[in-house]
Protein backbone atom coordinates (compact mmCIF):
# COMPACT_ATOMS: atom_id res chain seq x y z
CA MET A 1 -45.27 160.91 41.58
CA LEU A 2 -48.16 159.68 43.72
CA ALA A 3 -49.25 163.21 44.59
CA ARG A 4 -49.18 164.20 40.91
CA ARG A 5 -51.23 161.15 39.98
CA HIS A 6 -53.95 162.02 42.52
CA ARG A 7 -53.99 165.68 41.45
CA LEU A 8 -54.36 164.62 37.81
CA ARG A 9 -57.24 162.34 38.76
CA GLY A 10 -58.93 165.26 40.53
CA VAL A 11 -58.47 167.60 37.55
CA VAL A 12 -59.81 165.03 35.09
CA GLY A 13 -62.76 164.31 37.39
CA ALA A 14 -63.60 168.00 37.65
CA LEU A 15 -63.41 168.36 33.87
CA VAL A 16 -65.74 165.39 33.32
CA VAL A 17 -68.25 166.76 35.84
CA SER A 18 -68.09 170.16 34.16
CA LEU A 19 -68.71 168.71 30.71
CA LEU A 20 -71.56 166.51 31.92
CA GLY A 21 -73.14 169.47 33.66
CA ALA A 22 -72.91 171.57 30.51
CA CYS A 23 -74.53 168.82 28.45
CA GLY A 24 -77.41 168.44 30.87
CA ASP A 25 -78.30 172.08 31.36
CA ALA A 26 -80.30 172.48 28.19
CA GLY A 27 -82.78 169.71 28.87
CA SER A 28 -83.33 169.97 32.63
CA ALA A 29 -82.97 173.54 33.82
CA GLY A 30 -85.40 173.08 36.70
CA ALA A 31 -84.01 169.77 37.99
CA PRO A 32 -81.40 171.17 40.42
CA GLU A 33 -83.95 173.54 41.96
CA ASP A 34 -86.46 170.70 42.33
CA ALA A 35 -83.84 168.45 43.92
CA ALA A 36 -82.79 171.20 46.33
CA GLN A 37 -86.40 171.78 47.35
CA GLU A 38 -86.86 168.04 47.90
CA ARG A 39 -83.75 167.95 50.12
CA ARG A 40 -85.03 170.90 52.15
CA THR A 41 -88.35 169.14 52.67
CA LEU A 42 -86.62 165.98 53.86
CA ASP A 43 -84.37 167.92 56.23
CA ASP A 44 -87.26 169.94 57.67
CA ASP A 45 -88.70 166.84 59.33
CA ILE A 46 -85.34 165.42 60.39
CA ARG A 47 -86.47 164.96 64.00
CA ALA A 48 -89.34 162.71 62.98
CA ARG A 49 -87.05 160.76 60.67
CA LEU A 50 -84.50 160.29 63.45
CA GLU A 51 -87.17 159.10 65.87
CA ALA A 52 -88.25 156.54 63.27
CA LEU A 53 -84.80 154.92 63.27
CA PRO A 54 -84.73 151.70 65.33
CA GLY A 55 -83.25 152.14 68.79
CA VAL A 56 -82.96 155.95 68.67
CA THR A 57 -84.23 158.20 71.48
CA ILE A 58 -83.83 161.98 71.21
CA LEU A 59 -82.73 163.63 74.46
CA GLY A 60 -81.94 167.11 73.15
CA ASP A 61 -82.55 169.19 70.03
CA GLU A 62 -80.89 172.59 69.49
CA GLN A 63 -80.70 174.84 66.44
CA PHE A 64 -77.41 176.61 65.73
CA GLU A 65 -76.40 178.96 62.95
CA ASP A 66 -75.64 176.38 60.26
CA PHE A 67 -76.52 173.03 61.82
CA ARG A 68 -78.95 171.29 64.13
CA PHE A 69 -77.54 169.52 67.17
CA PHE A 70 -79.14 166.44 68.70
CA THR A 71 -78.26 164.48 71.82
CA LEU A 72 -79.30 160.86 71.43
CA ASP A 73 -79.42 157.50 73.13
CA PHE A 74 -78.99 154.49 70.86
CA GLU A 75 -79.86 150.97 71.97
CA GLN A 76 -76.99 148.53 71.53
CA PRO A 77 -76.46 144.87 72.41
CA ALA A 78 -74.10 144.51 75.35
CA ASP A 79 -72.64 141.56 73.45
CA HIS A 80 -72.86 141.78 69.66
CA ARG A 81 -72.28 138.03 69.44
CA ARG A 82 -75.57 137.61 71.35
CA PRO A 83 -77.68 140.44 69.90
CA HIS A 84 -80.90 139.28 71.60
CA GLY A 85 -79.41 139.37 75.10
CA GLU A 86 -78.69 142.32 77.40
CA LYS A 87 -79.03 145.81 75.91
CA PHE A 88 -77.59 149.16 76.93
CA LEU A 89 -78.06 152.76 75.82
CA GLN A 90 -75.09 154.31 74.07
CA ARG A 91 -74.92 158.11 74.27
CA MET A 92 -74.35 159.95 70.99
CA THR A 93 -74.54 163.44 69.55
CA LEU A 94 -75.46 164.42 66.01
CA PHE A 95 -74.57 167.47 63.94
CA HIS A 96 -77.18 167.64 61.21
CA ARG A 97 -76.76 169.82 58.12
CA SER A 98 -78.21 167.76 55.28
CA THR A 99 -79.07 164.11 54.71
CA THR A 100 -77.09 164.22 51.45
CA ALA A 101 -73.93 165.88 52.82
CA PRO A 102 -70.95 163.74 53.86
CA MET A 103 -71.29 162.09 57.26
CA VAL A 104 -68.37 161.68 59.67
CA ILE A 105 -68.61 159.16 62.51
CA ASP A 106 -66.44 160.34 65.40
CA THR A 107 -65.51 157.37 67.60
CA GLU A 108 -64.74 158.64 71.07
CA GLY A 109 -62.13 156.73 73.04
CA ALA A 110 -63.84 157.53 76.33
CA GLU A 111 -66.84 159.54 77.54
CA LEU A 112 -68.64 161.94 75.26
CA PHE A 113 -68.18 165.69 75.26
CA THR A 114 -71.71 167.02 74.94
CA GLU A 115 -70.79 170.44 73.52
CA PRO A 116 -71.38 171.01 69.79
CA ILE A 117 -67.72 171.06 68.69
CA ALA A 118 -67.21 169.63 65.21
CA ALA A 119 -64.25 167.47 64.26
CA GLU A 120 -61.90 169.04 61.72
CA PRO A 121 -63.08 167.03 58.67
CA VAL A 122 -66.69 167.97 59.45
CA ASP A 123 -65.86 171.67 59.30
CA LEU A 124 -63.76 171.23 56.17
CA LEU A 125 -66.51 169.33 54.34
CA GLU A 126 -69.46 171.27 55.82
CA GLY A 127 -70.85 167.85 56.64
CA ASN A 128 -72.71 165.97 59.33
CA GLN A 129 -71.21 164.29 62.37
CA VAL A 130 -72.38 161.50 64.64
CA THR A 131 -70.21 161.17 67.75
CA VAL A 132 -70.32 157.88 69.65
CA GLU A 133 -69.43 157.52 73.31
CA HIS A 134 -67.22 154.50 74.00
CA ARG A 135 -68.85 151.61 75.80
CA PHE A 136 -68.21 151.45 79.56
CA TYR A 137 -67.59 155.22 79.72
CA GLY A 138 -69.96 157.97 80.74
CA THR A 139 -73.56 156.78 80.61
CA SER A 140 -72.85 154.06 78.03
CA THR A 141 -72.33 151.14 80.40
CA PRO A 142 -74.26 147.85 80.41
CA ALA A 143 -76.07 147.22 83.69
CA SER A 144 -74.23 143.92 84.16
CA ARG A 145 -70.88 145.76 84.02
CA ASP A 146 -69.32 142.56 82.70
CA TRP A 147 -65.76 143.66 81.94
CA ARG A 148 -65.35 140.86 79.42
CA LEU A 149 -67.63 142.87 77.10
CA LEU A 150 -65.13 145.74 76.96
CA ASP A 151 -62.92 144.82 74.04
CA VAL A 152 -61.91 146.38 70.74
CA TRP A 153 -64.14 144.17 68.61
CA GLN A 154 -67.27 144.99 70.64
CA SER A 155 -66.46 148.70 70.36
CA ALA A 156 -65.98 148.42 66.60
CA ALA A 157 -69.27 146.53 66.36
CA ASP A 158 -70.98 149.42 68.20
CA ALA A 159 -69.75 151.82 65.52
CA HIS A 160 -70.72 149.39 62.76
CA ARG A 161 -74.28 149.20 64.00
CA VAL A 162 -74.51 153.00 64.19
CA VAL A 163 -73.39 153.18 60.55
CA GLU A 164 -75.85 150.49 59.48
CA VAL A 165 -78.83 152.28 61.02
CA PHE A 166 -77.94 155.89 60.20
CA LYS A 167 -76.89 155.14 56.62
CA THR A 168 -80.55 154.56 55.85
CA LEU A 169 -81.06 158.27 56.51
CA TYR A 170 -77.70 159.87 55.63
CA THR A 171 -77.00 158.89 52.04
CA GLY A 172 -73.81 160.85 51.38
CA ARG A 173 -70.37 159.31 51.69
CA TRP A 174 -69.24 158.30 55.16
CA LEU A 175 -65.86 158.94 56.78
CA SER A 176 -64.59 158.14 60.26
CA THR A 177 -62.39 160.09 62.64
CA GLY A 178 -61.20 160.11 66.23
CA VAL A 179 -58.68 161.72 68.56
CA PHE A 180 -56.34 159.89 70.97
CA ARG A 181 -57.85 156.51 71.83
CA GLY A 182 -60.75 157.54 69.64
CA GLY A 183 -58.31 157.59 66.72
CA THR A 184 -57.31 154.02 67.51
CA ALA A 185 -61.01 153.12 67.80
CA ALA A 186 -61.62 154.60 64.33
CA LEU A 187 -58.82 152.49 62.85
CA LEU A 188 -60.08 149.36 64.60
CA HIS A 189 -63.61 150.00 63.30
CA ARG A 190 -62.17 150.34 59.79
CA TYR A 191 -60.13 147.14 60.21
CA TYR A 192 -63.06 145.02 61.34
CA PHE A 193 -65.68 146.63 59.07
CA PRO A 194 -63.76 148.00 56.05
CA ASN A 195 -66.83 148.80 53.96
CA ASP A 196 -68.56 151.05 56.49
CA VAL A 197 -66.72 154.24 55.47
CA GLN A 198 -64.79 155.59 52.50
CA GLY A 199 -61.96 157.18 54.49
CA THR A 200 -60.53 157.46 58.00
CA LEU A 201 -58.70 160.35 59.69
CA ALA A 202 -57.06 159.41 63.00
CA TYR A 203 -55.57 162.22 65.08
CA ALA A 204 -52.83 161.40 67.62
CA GLU A 205 -53.94 157.78 67.87
CA ARG A 206 -52.77 156.00 71.02
CA HIS A 207 -51.77 152.41 71.52
CA SER A 208 -48.87 150.38 72.87
CA LEU A 209 -47.56 146.87 72.40
CA GLY A 210 -47.18 145.18 75.75
CA LEU A 211 -47.92 146.37 79.25
CA GLN A 212 -44.74 148.48 79.38
CA ASP A 213 -43.88 149.53 75.83
CA ALA A 214 -40.23 150.61 75.95
CA ARG A 215 -40.51 152.70 72.77
CA ALA A 216 -42.02 155.56 74.78
CA ALA A 217 -39.18 155.58 77.33
CA HIS A 218 -36.58 155.58 74.55
CA PHE A 219 -38.38 158.48 72.87
CA LEU A 220 -38.39 160.51 76.09
CA ARG A 221 -34.64 160.08 76.52
CA ASN A 222 -34.07 161.91 73.23
CA VAL A 223 -37.00 164.25 72.66
CA GLY A 224 -36.65 168.02 72.51
CA ASP A 225 -33.87 170.03 74.09
CA ALA A 226 -31.39 168.40 76.51
CA THR A 227 -31.55 171.40 78.85
CA CYS A 228 -35.33 171.13 79.03
CA ARG A 229 -35.14 167.40 79.74
CA ALA A 230 -32.62 168.02 82.53
CA LYS A 231 -34.88 170.64 84.13
CA LEU A 232 -37.78 168.20 84.11
CA THR A 233 -35.69 165.47 85.74
CA ALA A 234 -34.53 167.91 88.44
CA VAL A 235 -38.14 168.80 89.23
CA GLN A 236 -39.15 165.13 89.35
CA ARG A 237 -36.33 164.31 91.75
CA ALA A 238 -37.13 167.31 93.93
CA ALA A 239 -40.82 166.35 94.12
CA LEU A 240 -39.96 162.80 95.17
CA ALA A 241 -37.32 163.91 97.67
CA ARG A 242 -39.78 166.42 99.17
CA ARG A 243 -42.84 164.18 99.09
CA GLU A 244 -43.48 164.75 102.80
CA GLU A 245 -44.05 168.43 101.97
CA LEU A 246 -46.10 167.75 98.84
CA SER A 247 -48.35 164.91 100.05
CA PRO A 248 -50.45 167.12 102.39
CA LEU A 249 -51.09 169.49 99.48
CA LEU A 250 -52.50 166.63 97.42
CA ALA A 251 -54.52 165.30 100.35
CA ALA A 252 -55.99 168.78 100.84
CA GLN A 253 -57.78 168.45 97.51
CA VAL A 254 -60.49 166.64 99.43
CA GLU A 255 -61.93 170.15 99.69
CA TRP A 256 -62.49 169.98 95.93
CA GLY A 257 -64.18 166.58 96.20
CA PHE A 258 -61.16 164.36 95.53
CA THR A 259 -60.19 161.43 97.75
CA PHE A 260 -57.38 158.89 97.41
CA ASP A 261 -58.52 155.84 99.37
CA THR A 262 -57.98 153.37 96.51
CA LEU A 263 -54.28 153.98 95.81
CA GLY A 264 -53.39 156.26 98.70
CA VAL A 265 -51.96 159.78 98.57
CA ASP A 266 -48.31 158.71 98.55
CA LYS A 267 -48.63 156.28 95.64
CA SER A 268 -50.84 158.68 93.67
CA LEU A 269 -48.26 161.42 94.07
CA GLU A 270 -45.34 159.18 93.06
CA PHE A 271 -47.14 157.80 90.02
CA SER A 272 -47.93 161.34 88.90
CA VAL A 273 -44.33 162.50 89.31
CA VAL A 274 -43.06 159.52 87.29
CA ARG A 275 -45.51 160.40 84.49
CA LEU A 276 -44.58 164.06 84.53
CA SER A 277 -42.07 164.03 81.65
CA PHE A 278 -44.42 161.96 79.46
CA ASN A 279 -47.30 164.37 80.02
CA PHE A 280 -45.12 167.44 79.59
CA TRP A 281 -43.86 166.50 76.14
CA GLU A 282 -47.23 165.18 75.07
CA TYR A 283 -48.87 168.56 75.63
CA LEU A 284 -45.93 170.86 74.88
CA GLY A 285 -47.33 173.89 73.07
CA LEU A 286 -50.68 173.81 74.86
CA ALA A 287 -50.34 176.64 77.38
CA PRO A 288 -48.78 176.55 79.92
CA TYR A 289 -46.71 173.51 78.86
CA ASP A 290 -43.37 175.03 77.85
CA CYS A 291 -39.77 174.76 79.01
CA ASP A 292 -39.72 178.26 80.49
CA SER A 293 -42.51 177.29 82.90
CA ILE A 294 -40.45 174.55 84.58
CA PRO A 295 -39.59 175.79 88.09
CA GLU A 296 -36.27 175.42 89.88
CA PRO A 297 -36.15 172.41 92.22
CA THR A 298 -35.59 174.75 95.18
CA VAL A 299 -38.90 176.62 94.89
CA SER A 300 -41.48 176.45 97.66
CA ALA A 301 -43.46 173.27 98.21
CA GLU A 302 -46.59 175.05 97.00
CA GLU A 303 -44.97 176.10 93.73
CA LEU A 304 -43.39 172.71 93.16
CA PHE A 305 -46.67 170.90 93.81
CA GLY A 306 -48.48 173.41 91.62
CA PHE A 307 -46.31 172.43 88.65
CA VAL A 308 -46.75 168.69 89.28
CA ASP A 309 -50.49 169.18 89.71
CA LEU A 310 -50.76 171.23 86.53
CA VAL A 311 -48.77 168.89 84.29
CA ALA A 312 -49.52 165.45 85.74
CA GLY A 313 -52.92 166.11 87.39
CA PRO A 314 -52.89 163.41 90.10
CA ALA A 315 -56.46 164.17 91.19
CA TYR A 316 -57.69 163.84 87.60
CA ILE A 317 -56.01 160.47 87.08
CA PHE A 318 -55.53 158.66 90.39
CA SER A 319 -58.25 159.96 92.72
CA ASP A 320 -61.10 157.65 93.66
CA GLN A 321 -63.43 159.82 91.59
CA ALA A 322 -61.26 159.61 88.45
CA LEU A 323 -60.74 155.88 88.80
CA ALA A 324 -64.46 155.28 89.27
CA THR A 325 -65.38 157.12 86.05
CA PHE A 326 -62.92 156.79 83.17
CA GLY A 327 -59.95 155.37 85.10
CA GLU A 328 -61.27 151.83 85.51
CA PRO A 329 -62.30 151.19 81.88
CA GLU A 330 -59.14 152.89 80.60
CA SER A 331 -56.89 150.74 82.81
CA TYR A 332 -58.85 147.60 81.92
CA GLN A 333 -58.44 148.28 78.19
CA SER A 334 -54.73 148.91 78.67
CA ALA A 335 -54.31 145.74 80.71
CA THR A 336 -56.15 143.51 78.23
CA GLU A 337 -55.61 144.84 74.68
CA LEU A 338 -54.42 148.43 74.20
CA GLY A 339 -51.22 148.12 76.23
CA ALA A 340 -49.42 150.92 78.06
CA PRO A 341 -46.19 152.89 77.73
CA LEU A 342 -43.18 152.37 79.95
CA TYR A 343 -42.73 155.53 82.00
CA PRO A 344 -38.97 156.10 82.46
CA GLU A 345 -37.78 155.56 86.03
CA ALA A 346 -34.01 155.08 85.67
CA GLU A 347 -33.06 158.59 86.83
CA LEU A 348 -35.56 158.43 89.71
CA ARG A 349 -35.15 154.88 90.96
CA ASP A 350 -33.26 155.69 94.16
CA LEU A 351 -36.21 157.88 95.26
CA LEU A 352 -39.06 155.53 94.34
CA ARG A 353 -41.15 153.55 96.81
CA TYR A 354 -43.26 151.78 94.16
CA PRO A 355 -40.91 151.11 91.22
CA GLY A 356 -42.58 149.53 88.21
CA GLY A 357 -45.97 149.96 89.83
CA GLN A 358 -47.70 151.61 86.89
CA VAL A 359 -48.47 148.38 85.10
CA PRO A 360 -52.20 148.60 84.22
CA THR A 361 -52.91 145.12 85.59
CA PHE A 362 -52.13 146.51 89.07
CA LEU A 363 -54.63 149.37 88.70
CA PRO A 364 -58.42 149.31 89.20
CA PRO A 365 -60.76 147.65 88.53
CA LEU A 366 -59.41 145.47 91.31
CA GLY A 367 -60.52 141.89 91.79
CA VAL A 368 -61.13 141.51 88.05
CA THR A 369 -59.24 138.94 85.97
CA LYS A 370 -57.10 140.64 83.31
CA PHE A 371 -55.12 138.81 80.65
CA TYR A 372 -53.19 140.82 78.10
CA ASN A 373 -53.96 139.79 74.52
CA PRO A 374 -51.58 141.41 72.00
CA VAL A 375 -53.20 139.84 68.93
CA PRO A 376 -55.82 142.51 68.00
CA LEU A 377 -53.31 145.38 67.99
CA LEU A 378 -50.63 143.31 66.23
CA LYS A 379 -53.15 142.49 63.52
CA LEU A 380 -54.10 146.15 63.29
CA GLU A 381 -50.44 147.16 62.88
CA VAL A 382 -49.97 144.65 60.04
CA TRP A 383 -53.22 145.76 58.37
CA ALA A 384 -52.27 149.42 58.65
CA ARG A 385 -48.83 148.87 57.14
CA LEU A 386 -49.87 146.58 54.29
CA HIS A 387 -53.57 146.92 53.56
CA ALA A 388 -55.08 150.14 54.95
CA LYS A 389 -56.52 152.28 52.17
CA GLN A 390 -57.79 155.86 52.26
CA VAL A 391 -56.44 156.43 55.75
CA LEU A 392 -54.76 159.55 57.12
CA ILE A 393 -52.96 159.56 60.48
CA LEU A 394 -51.86 162.89 61.99
CA ASP A 395 -49.40 163.05 64.88
CA GLY A 396 -47.53 165.77 66.71
CA ALA A 397 -43.75 165.52 66.46
CA LEU A 398 -43.09 165.80 70.20
CA SER A 399 -45.71 163.37 71.48
CA PRO A 400 -44.33 160.23 73.15
CA TRP A 401 -47.24 158.36 71.59
CA SER A 402 -45.68 158.94 68.18
CA ALA A 403 -43.02 156.38 69.15
CA SER A 404 -45.65 153.64 68.85
CA ALA A 405 -47.70 155.13 66.02
CA PHE A 406 -49.16 153.08 63.20
CA HIS A 407 -47.45 153.23 59.82
CA VAL A 408 -49.24 153.13 56.49
CA SER A 409 -48.26 153.06 52.82
CA PRO A 410 -48.87 155.96 50.39
CA TRP A 411 -49.09 153.36 47.62
CA ASN A 412 -52.40 152.37 49.22
CA ASP A 413 -53.61 155.98 49.29
CA ALA A 414 -52.85 155.97 53.02
CA TYR A 415 -50.64 158.53 54.78
CA ARG A 416 -49.08 159.37 58.12
CA VAL A 417 -48.25 163.01 58.73
CA VAL A 418 -46.12 164.31 61.59
CA ASP A 419 -46.89 167.97 62.20
CA PRO A 420 -43.67 169.64 63.41
CA GLU A 421 -45.46 172.88 64.26
CA GLY A 422 -48.49 171.42 66.04
CA ILE A 423 -49.05 170.98 69.74
CA GLY A 424 -46.95 168.05 70.91
CA PHE A 425 -49.82 165.59 70.83
CA TYR A 426 -51.95 167.05 68.11
CA GLY A 427 -51.64 168.21 64.54
CA THR A 428 -54.31 169.40 62.11
CA LEU A 429 -54.68 169.39 58.35
CA THR A 430 -55.43 173.09 58.34
CA ALA A 431 -52.13 173.93 60.06
CA LEU A 432 -49.93 171.90 57.70
CA PRO A 433 -47.49 173.78 55.47
CA GLU A 434 -47.91 173.83 51.72
CA PRO A 435 -47.87 171.79 49.53
CA GLN A 436 -48.86 169.14 52.09
CA ARG A 437 -51.97 171.01 53.10
CA THR A 438 -53.40 171.24 49.59
CA PHE A 439 -52.53 167.64 48.79
CA PHE A 440 -54.32 166.26 51.85
CA PHE A 441 -57.29 168.55 51.32
CA GLU A 442 -57.54 166.99 47.85
CA ARG A 443 -57.39 163.49 49.27
CA LEU A 444 -60.09 164.32 51.83
CA SER A 445 -62.27 165.83 49.12
CA ASP A 446 -61.80 162.78 46.91
CA TRP A 447 -62.71 160.35 49.68
CA ALA A 448 -65.77 162.36 50.74
CA GLY A 449 -66.96 163.18 47.25
CA ALA A 450 -67.37 166.81 48.31
CA PRO A 451 -65.30 170.00 48.11
CA VAL A 452 -63.19 171.16 51.03
CA GLN A 453 -64.11 174.57 52.41
CA VAL A 454 -61.59 176.03 54.84
CA PRO A 455 -63.78 177.62 57.54
CA GLU A 456 -63.12 180.83 59.39
CA VAL A 457 -62.66 179.80 63.02
CA SER A 458 -64.19 182.35 65.37
CA GLU A 459 -62.63 183.16 68.73
CA GLN A 460 -65.63 181.51 70.38
CA LYS A 461 -65.19 178.28 68.43
CA GLN A 462 -61.42 178.29 68.93
CA GLY A 463 -61.95 178.83 72.66
CA ALA A 464 -64.41 175.95 72.84
CA ARG A 465 -61.96 173.64 71.09
CA TYR A 466 -59.19 174.75 73.42
CA GLN A 467 -61.30 173.98 76.47
CA LYS A 468 -62.10 170.56 75.03
CA LEU A 469 -58.38 169.89 74.58
CA LEU A 470 -57.70 170.97 78.15
CA ARG A 471 -60.27 168.49 79.40
CA HIS A 472 -58.60 165.80 77.30
CA VAL A 473 -55.36 166.76 79.06
CA ARG A 474 -56.94 166.38 82.48
CA ARG A 475 -58.61 163.11 81.52
CA HIS A 476 -55.48 161.48 80.16
């Protein structure tokens, strides 16, 4: 019924536009051409217009086939409650096509990827995109490094200020999007500042309630095929039982620039093995994460470590270098507001030296006071379920994060879609089966006030997106 109602609205709207256009043609034949020429003139001097925006510094300017790509710094208050105090430069990128096309703000949950890879709604709408690096990640860190300024409201206020300033230039409708923690950031921005955008698309959003959310562990006990789960457990137990063989292989990664002085090699290895099943199901479908790739527990130490390293990536999560870049802010956010999943240990407990050690309050930054505050995410869950409008959440069916996903109501023109065919952690609108695909394209078009154009994805673009996903795997 709801889908039919929205389709009818779209048909009636198209008919009205058609009739109005027909009525206007006779008296103003040259108006569209004049307007198009005016838009081209405005877009030709886009660099000068960007430089005129308060707080904007252009670091890079590249021309691609159908868009212009800018790398920017944007001055932000370190504390939006004290806007005249400390400032910091927030790194951003901008896809520019037209000042009148839809604009999508992509809220990153961590550091910025600097490559020109458009989010799915940007490609579908042939629109613009401004991507915002999360505060305390990458280069976007206040000099004071006051951890109290890393909270969900401050991050949402960053996005709000970007919208306020850039809306003076980009006059089309605005949407928001994000992947992983960036999806949660997009929803939080919408919750705190509901009038900034007309629609929000959150992909594989990540959050937990509590410091050890048991919903993830329950999900992992039942996900997928029982034989596959048993093979994973056997590998985990073998890796822990043979840690004396595997630890030197992890320590040897010092040759690649990784050290483990903060947590130690033994703890880093154990934490990675405990996380292995979570990571495996999260990325199932993204090569080489598949059940056939799970080795026998009796394989050589090199092969066993190779599998653990590939799936759980201890150097990319627990090394000193990882902790010093994205690890510290990620753990701080988890310890104070975003929560963390409970990684199942029951079948491994007799082999563990640090049981229950993966509580984010025990992880760096060390020597920093951390109090978990569940209120912001509880409020967000209630808002999503009862009040969120023009929101679309896309999850992969096999992702453990789906156990703690937000739920929304279609009666509010808000939807959650679980893609059974997508990569475990990630679904896309384009890959949905019919009639879902067409329905959600219509909703996106309605929110953006622009038609959806399904793009042809070249091998080069697909490869770039795949590499970006792989780096997300390593980072998380």
